[in-house]
Amino acid sequence: MLIIGGLFEIGFTTCLRYVDGFRHLGWTLGFLGSVGCSMTLLEIASRTIPMGTAYAVWGGIGALGTVIVGIAWFGEPASLPRLLLILGVVLCIAGLKLTSGH
């Protein structure tokens, strides 16, 4: 549930790029639907995973995915320092999950 929720977070950040002040109905509906799904799945996951860990994993998946989408589709920079910092985020998320006891 948590991984899928994180993927919906990538969806809502990508839609957010196009809502243009919430004037584009399709993108706005995509944003709202993705936010709703993402938050619902985070809430469900937090029933069995400590909230701090669940939030860090959910947010990390969204952040990592959003950076990847930005690099792949929107021409954002993929410099070595940026990629190393992203790797650091992934390692911290993995560490939190591994030490959560769940």
C-alpha atoms as a PDB file:
ATOM      1  CA  MET A   1       0.000   0.000   0.000  1.00  0.00           C
ATOM      2  CA  LEU A   2       2.791   2.389   0.922  1.00  0.00           C
ATOM      3  CA  ILE A   3       4.665   1.932  -2.351  1.00  0.00           C
ATOM      4  CA  ILE A   4       1.505   2.463  -4.389  1.00  0.00           C
ATOM      5  CA  GLY A   5       0.724   5.549  -2.302  1.00  0.00           C
ATOM      6  CA  GLY A   6       4.200   6.875  -3.064  1.00  0.00           C
ATOM      7  CA  LEU A   7       3.591   6.299  -6.763  1.00  0.00           C
ATOM      8  CA  PHE A   8       0.370   8.314  -6.558  1.00  0.00           C
ATOM      9  CA  GLU A   9       2.432  11.069  -4.935  1.00  0.00           C
ATOM     10  CA  ILE A  10       4.558  11.144  -8.084  1.00  0.00           C
ATOM     11  CA  GLY A  11       1.305  11.440 -10.015  1.00  0.00           C
ATOM     12  CA  PHE A  12       0.079  14.418  -8.055  1.00  0.00           C
ATOM     13  CA  THR A  13       3.371  16.283  -8.257  1.00  0.00           C
ATOM     14  CA  THR A  14       3.464  15.701 -12.002  1.00  0.00           C
ATOM     15  CA  CYS A  15      -0.144  16.880 -12.398  1.00  0.00           C
ATOM     16  CA  LEU A  16       0.641  19.907 -10.251  1.00  0.00           C
ATOM     17  CA  ARG A  17       3.049  21.047 -12.951  1.00  0.00           C
ATOM     18  CA  TYR A  18       0.104  21.465 -15.349  1.00  0.00           C
ATOM     19  CA  VAL A  19      -2.849  22.672 -13.234  1.00  0.00           C
ATOM     20  CA  ASP A  20      -1.978  26.344 -13.977  1.00  0.00           C
ATOM     21  CA  GLY A  21      -3.729  27.845 -10.985  1.00  0.00           C
ATOM     22  CA  PHE A  22      -6.303  25.033 -11.124  1.00  0.00           C
ATOM     23  CA  ARG A  23      -7.612  26.382 -14.425  1.00  0.00           C
ATOM     24  CA  HIS A  24      -7.061  23.102 -16.329  1.00  0.00           C
ATOM     25  CA  LEU A  25      -9.849  20.787 -15.209  1.00  0.00           C
ATOM     26  CA  GLY A  26      -8.311  17.506 -16.382  1.00  0.00           C
ATOM     27  CA  TRP A  27      -4.982  18.108 -14.658  1.00  0.00           C
ATOM     28  CA  THR A  28      -6.745  19.446 -11.574  1.00  0.00           C
ATOM     29  CA  LEU A  29      -8.893  16.316 -11.338  1.00  0.00           C
ATOM     30  CA  GLY A  30      -5.795  14.162 -11.843  1.00  0.00           C
ATOM     31  CA  PHE A  31      -4.044  16.087  -9.076  1.00  0.00           C
ATOM     32  CA  LEU A  32      -6.970  15.791  -6.656  1.00  0.00           C
ATOM     33  CA  GLY A  33      -7.516  12.112  -7.411  1.00  0.00           C
ATOM     34  CA  SER A  34      -3.832  11.330  -6.980  1.00  0.00           C
ATOM     35  CA  VAL A  35      -3.648  13.260  -3.704  1.00  0.00           C
ATOM     36  CA  GLY A  36      -6.707  11.431  -2.389  1.00  0.00           C
ATOM     37  CA  CYS A  37      -5.372   7.996  -3.346  1.00  0.00           C
ATOM     38  CA  SER A  38      -1.906   8.775  -2.054  1.00  0.00           C
ATOM     39  CA  MET A  39      -3.075  10.012   1.337  1.00  0.00           C
ATOM     40  CA  THR A  40      -5.564   7.180   1.741  1.00  0.00           C
ATOM     41  CA  LEU A  41      -2.901   4.575   1.055  1.00  0.00           C
ATOM     42  CA  LEU A  42      -0.491   6.312   3.448  1.00  0.00           C
ATOM     43  CA  GLU A  43      -3.153   6.182   6.149  1.00  0.00           C
ATOM     44  CA  ILE A  44      -3.809   2.488   5.521  1.00  0.00           C
ATOM     45  CA  ALA A  45      -0.087   1.671   5.598  1.00  0.00           C
ATOM     46  CA  SER A  46       0.385   3.622   8.839  1.00  0.00           C
ATOM     47  CA  ARG A  47      -1.954   1.188  10.601  1.00  0.00           C
ATOM     48  CA  THR A  48       0.803  -1.438  10.543  1.00  0.00           C
ATOM     49  CA  ILE A  49       3.993   0.621  10.082  1.00  0.00           C
ATOM     50  CA  PRO A  50       5.149   3.347  12.493  1.00  0.00           C
ATOM     51  CA  MET A  51       3.876   6.692  11.165  1.00  0.00           C
ATOM     52  CA  GLY A  52       7.331   8.290  11.044  1.00  0.00           C
ATOM     53  CA  THR A  53       8.693   5.420   8.987  1.00  0.00           C
ATOM     54  CA  ALA A  54       5.615   5.265   6.767  1.00  0.00           C
ATOM     55  CA  TYR A  55       5.759   8.992   6.087  1.00  0.00           C
ATOM     56  CA  ALA A  56       9.490   8.923   5.349  1.00  0.00           C
ATOM     57  CA  VAL A  57       9.121   6.022   2.928  1.00  0.00           C
ATOM     58  CA  TRP A  58       6.043   7.535   1.256  1.00  0.00           C
ATOM     59  CA  GLY A  59       7.666  10.947   0.950  1.00  0.00           C
ATOM     60  CA  GLY A  60      10.944   9.455  -0.229  1.00  0.00           C
ATOM     61  CA  ILE A  61       9.263   7.447  -2.963  1.00  0.00           C
ATOM     62  CA  GLY A  62       7.437  10.574  -4.076  1.00  0.00           C
ATOM     63  CA  ALA A  63      10.537  12.742  -3.952  1.00  0.00           C
ATOM     64  CA  LEU A  64      12.725  10.238  -5.762  1.00  0.00           C
ATOM     65  CA  GLY A  65      10.086   9.543  -8.373  1.00  0.00           C
ATOM     66  CA  THR A  66       9.387  13.227  -8.910  1.00  0.00           C
ATOM     67  CA  VAL A  67      13.097  13.894  -9.456  1.00  0.00           C
ATOM     68  CA  ILE A  68      13.301  11.007 -11.936  1.00  0.00           C
ATOM     69  CA  VAL A  69      10.228  12.280 -13.824  1.00  0.00           C
ATOM     70  CA  GLY A  70      11.738  15.769 -13.853  1.00  0.00           C
ATOM     71  CA  ILE A  71      15.004  14.486 -15.292  1.00  0.00           C
ATOM     72  CA  ALA A  72      13.437  12.091 -17.790  1.00  0.00           C
ATOM     73  CA  TRP A  73      10.561  14.224 -19.091  1.00  0.00           C
ATOM     74  CA  PHE A  74      11.169  17.848 -18.161  1.00  0.00           C
ATOM     75  CA  GLY A  75      14.878  18.289 -18.805  1.00  0.00           C
ATOM     76  CA  GLU A  76      15.830  18.948 -15.189  1.00  0.00           C
ATOM     77  CA  PRO A  77      19.563  18.644 -14.430  1.00  0.00           C
ATOM     78  CA  ALA A  78      21.039  15.218 -13.706  1.00  0.00           C
ATOM     79  CA  SER A  79      24.355  16.346 -12.249  1.00  0.00           C
ATOM     80  CA  LEU A  80      26.493  13.961 -10.247  1.00  0.00           C
ATOM     81  CA  PRO A  81      25.982  15.828  -6.941  1.00  0.00           C
ATOM     82  CA  ARG A  82      22.220  15.779  -7.443  1.00  0.00           C
ATOM     83  CA  LEU A  83      22.192  12.059  -8.246  1.00  0.00           C
ATOM     84  CA  LEU A  84      24.394  11.308  -5.221  1.00  0.00           C
ATOM     85  CA  LEU A  85      22.060  13.261  -2.963  1.00  0.00           C
ATOM     86  CA  ILE A  86      19.091  11.340  -4.337  1.00  0.00           C
ATOM     87  CA  LEU A  87      20.966   8.109  -3.601  1.00  0.00           C
ATOM     88  CA  GLY A  88      21.459   9.394  -0.049  1.00  0.00           C
ATOM     89  CA  VAL A  89      17.703   9.872   0.323  1.00  0.00           C
ATOM     90  CA  VAL A  90      17.085   6.318  -0.904  1.00  0.00           C
ATOM     91  CA  LEU A  91      19.648   4.910   1.524  1.00  0.00           C
ATOM     92  CA  CYS A  92      18.115   6.831   4.435  1.00  0.00           C
ATOM     93  CA  ILE A  93      14.637   5.550   3.559  1.00  0.00           C
ATOM     94  CA  ALA A  94      15.912   1.989   3.330  1.00  0.00           C
ATOM     95  CA  GLY A  95      17.648   2.435   6.682  1.00  0.00           C
ATOM     96  CA  LEU A  96      14.485   3.689   8.339  1.00  0.00           C
ATOM     97  CA  LYS A  97      12.496   0.781   6.992  1.00  0.00           C
ATOM     98  CA  LEU A  98      15.117  -1.767   8.008  1.00  0.00           C
ATOM     99  CA  THR A  99      15.318  -0.394  11.554  1.00  0.00           C
ATOM    100  CA  SER A 100      11.569   0.058  12.114  1.00  0.00           C
ATOM    101  CA  GLY A 101      11.056  -3.533  13.226  1.00  0.00           C
ATOM    102  CA  HIS A 102       8.282  -4.124  10.650  1.00  0.00           C
END
